[in-house]
């Protein structure tokens, strides 16, 4: 599986969806899986550290797009 990074477009209603991987840096760590998103905030899962947190989506600039 290959991962490409695209700029996160928060102006679009579907800019971030449940299941997306997001990061502050292109391919940077940590990577967070979006578990829920509402009103500009997201419940995120850091799969490397096995923990969850809530954070404003404005902290993230990149979204992973996977290609098979």
C-alpha atoms as a PDB file:
ATOM      1  CA  UNK A   1       0.000   0.000   0.000  1.00  0.00           C
ATOM      2  CA  UNK A   2       1.311   3.439  -0.943  1.00  0.00           C
ATOM      3  CA  UNK A   3       0.385   6.633   0.908  1.00  0.00           C
ATOM      4  CA  UNK A   4       0.253  10.032  -0.802  1.00  0.00           C
ATOM      5  CA  UNK A   5      -0.246  13.201   1.212  1.00  0.00           C
ATOM      6  CA  UNK A   6      -2.601  15.977   0.131  1.00  0.00           C
ATOM      7  CA  UNK A   7      -3.276  19.334   1.703  1.00  0.00           C
ATOM      8  CA  UNK A   8      -6.275  19.182   3.962  1.00  0.00           C
ATOM      9  CA  UNK A   9      -9.118  21.284   2.553  1.00  0.00           C
ATOM     10  CA  UNK A  10     -11.089  22.311   5.628  1.00  0.00           C
ATOM     11  CA  UNK A  11     -13.350  24.533   3.505  1.00  0.00           C
ATOM     12  CA  UNK A  12     -15.026  21.427   2.076  1.00  0.00           C
ATOM     13  CA  UNK A  13     -17.757  19.780   4.153  1.00  0.00           C
ATOM     14  CA  UNK A  14     -16.178  16.364   3.532  1.00  0.00           C
ATOM     15  CA  UNK A  15     -12.582  17.612   3.915  1.00  0.00           C
ATOM     16  CA  UNK A  16     -12.079  15.285   6.878  1.00  0.00           C
ATOM     17  CA  UNK A  17     -14.011  12.073   7.312  1.00  0.00           C
ATOM     18  CA  UNK A  18     -14.039   9.296   9.879  1.00  0.00           C
ATOM     19  CA  UNK A  19     -11.221   6.897   9.062  1.00  0.00           C
ATOM     20  CA  UNK A  20      -8.894   9.492   7.497  1.00  0.00           C
ATOM     21  CA  UNK A  21      -5.261   9.729   8.587  1.00  0.00           C
ATOM     22  CA  UNK A  22      -4.149  13.287   9.333  1.00  0.00           C
ATOM     23  CA  UNK A  23      -0.844  14.876  10.286  1.00  0.00           C
ATOM     24  CA  UNK A  24       0.578  18.304  11.037  1.00  0.00           C
ATOM     25  CA  UNK A  25       3.487  17.565   8.655  1.00  0.00           C
ATOM     26  CA  UNK A  26       3.442  15.799   5.296  1.00  0.00           C
ATOM     27  CA  UNK A  27       4.206  12.216   6.275  1.00  0.00           C
ATOM     28  CA  UNK A  28       5.326  13.411   9.677  1.00  0.00           C
ATOM     29  CA  UNK A  29       4.680  11.767  12.970  1.00  0.00           C
ATOM     30  CA  UNK A  30       2.514  11.381  14.820  1.00  0.00           C
ATOM     31  CA  UNK A  31      -0.230  10.277  12.485  1.00  0.00           C
ATOM     32  CA  UNK A  32      -3.774  10.311  13.778  1.00  0.00           C
ATOM     33  CA  UNK A  33      -6.805   8.318  12.635  1.00  0.00           C
ATOM     34  CA  UNK A  34     -10.011  10.376  12.736  1.00  0.00           C
ATOM     35  CA  UNK A  35     -12.612   8.601  14.883  1.00  0.00           C
ATOM     36  CA  UNK A  36     -15.187  11.433  14.878  1.00  0.00           C
ATOM     37  CA  UNK A  37     -15.315  15.038  13.664  1.00  0.00           C
ATOM     38  CA  UNK A  38     -17.731  17.836  14.496  1.00  0.00           C
ATOM     39  CA  UNK A  39     -17.637  21.636  14.719  1.00  0.00           C
ATOM     40  CA  UNK A  40     -13.972  21.916  13.745  1.00  0.00           C
ATOM     41  CA  UNK A  41     -12.772  19.383  16.329  1.00  0.00           C
ATOM     42  CA  UNK A  42     -11.921  15.726  15.999  1.00  0.00           C
ATOM     43  CA  UNK A  43     -11.563  12.681  18.203  1.00  0.00           C
ATOM     44  CA  UNK A  44      -8.255  11.184  17.081  1.00  0.00           C
ATOM     45  CA  UNK A  45      -6.447   7.896  17.630  1.00  0.00           C
ATOM     46  CA  UNK A  46      -2.650   7.834  17.740  1.00  0.00           C
ATOM     47  CA  UNK A  47      -2.186   4.233  16.631  1.00  0.00           C
ATOM     48  CA  UNK A  48       1.552   4.232  17.401  1.00  0.00           C
ATOM     49  CA  UNK A  49       1.052   5.229  21.048  1.00  0.00           C
ATOM     50  CA  UNK A  50      -2.344   3.517  21.383  1.00  0.00           C
ATOM     51  CA  UNK A  51      -4.101   6.560  22.817  1.00  0.00           C
ATOM     52  CA  UNK A  52      -6.947   8.892  21.907  1.00  0.00           C
ATOM     53  CA  UNK A  53      -7.245  12.665  22.109  1.00  0.00           C
ATOM     54  CA  UNK A  54      -9.495  15.494  21.028  1.00  0.00           C
ATOM     55  CA  UNK A  55      -7.949  18.280  19.000  1.00  0.00           C
ATOM     56  CA  UNK A  56      -8.955  21.167  16.724  1.00  0.00           C
ATOM     57  CA  UNK A  57      -8.697  20.207  13.057  1.00  0.00           C
ATOM     58  CA  UNK A  58      -6.865  23.479  12.468  1.00  0.00           C
ATOM     59  CA  UNK A  59      -3.767  21.801  13.977  1.00  0.00           C
ATOM     60  CA  UNK A  60      -3.526  19.493  10.958  1.00  0.00           C
ATOM     61  CA  UNK A  61      -2.525  20.414   7.403  1.00  0.00           C
ATOM     62  CA  UNK A  62      -2.214  17.044   5.674  1.00  0.00           C
ATOM     63  CA  UNK A  63      -4.436  14.065   4.918  1.00  0.00           C
ATOM     64  CA  UNK A  64      -3.275  10.660   3.672  1.00  0.00           C
ATOM     65  CA  UNK A  65      -4.671   9.240   0.445  1.00  0.00           C
ATOM     66  CA  UNK A  66      -3.929   5.551   0.006  1.00  0.00           C
ATOM     67  CA  UNK A  67      -3.452   3.821  -3.301  1.00  0.00           C
ATOM     68  CA  UNK A  68      -3.550   0.072  -3.743  1.00  0.00           C
END
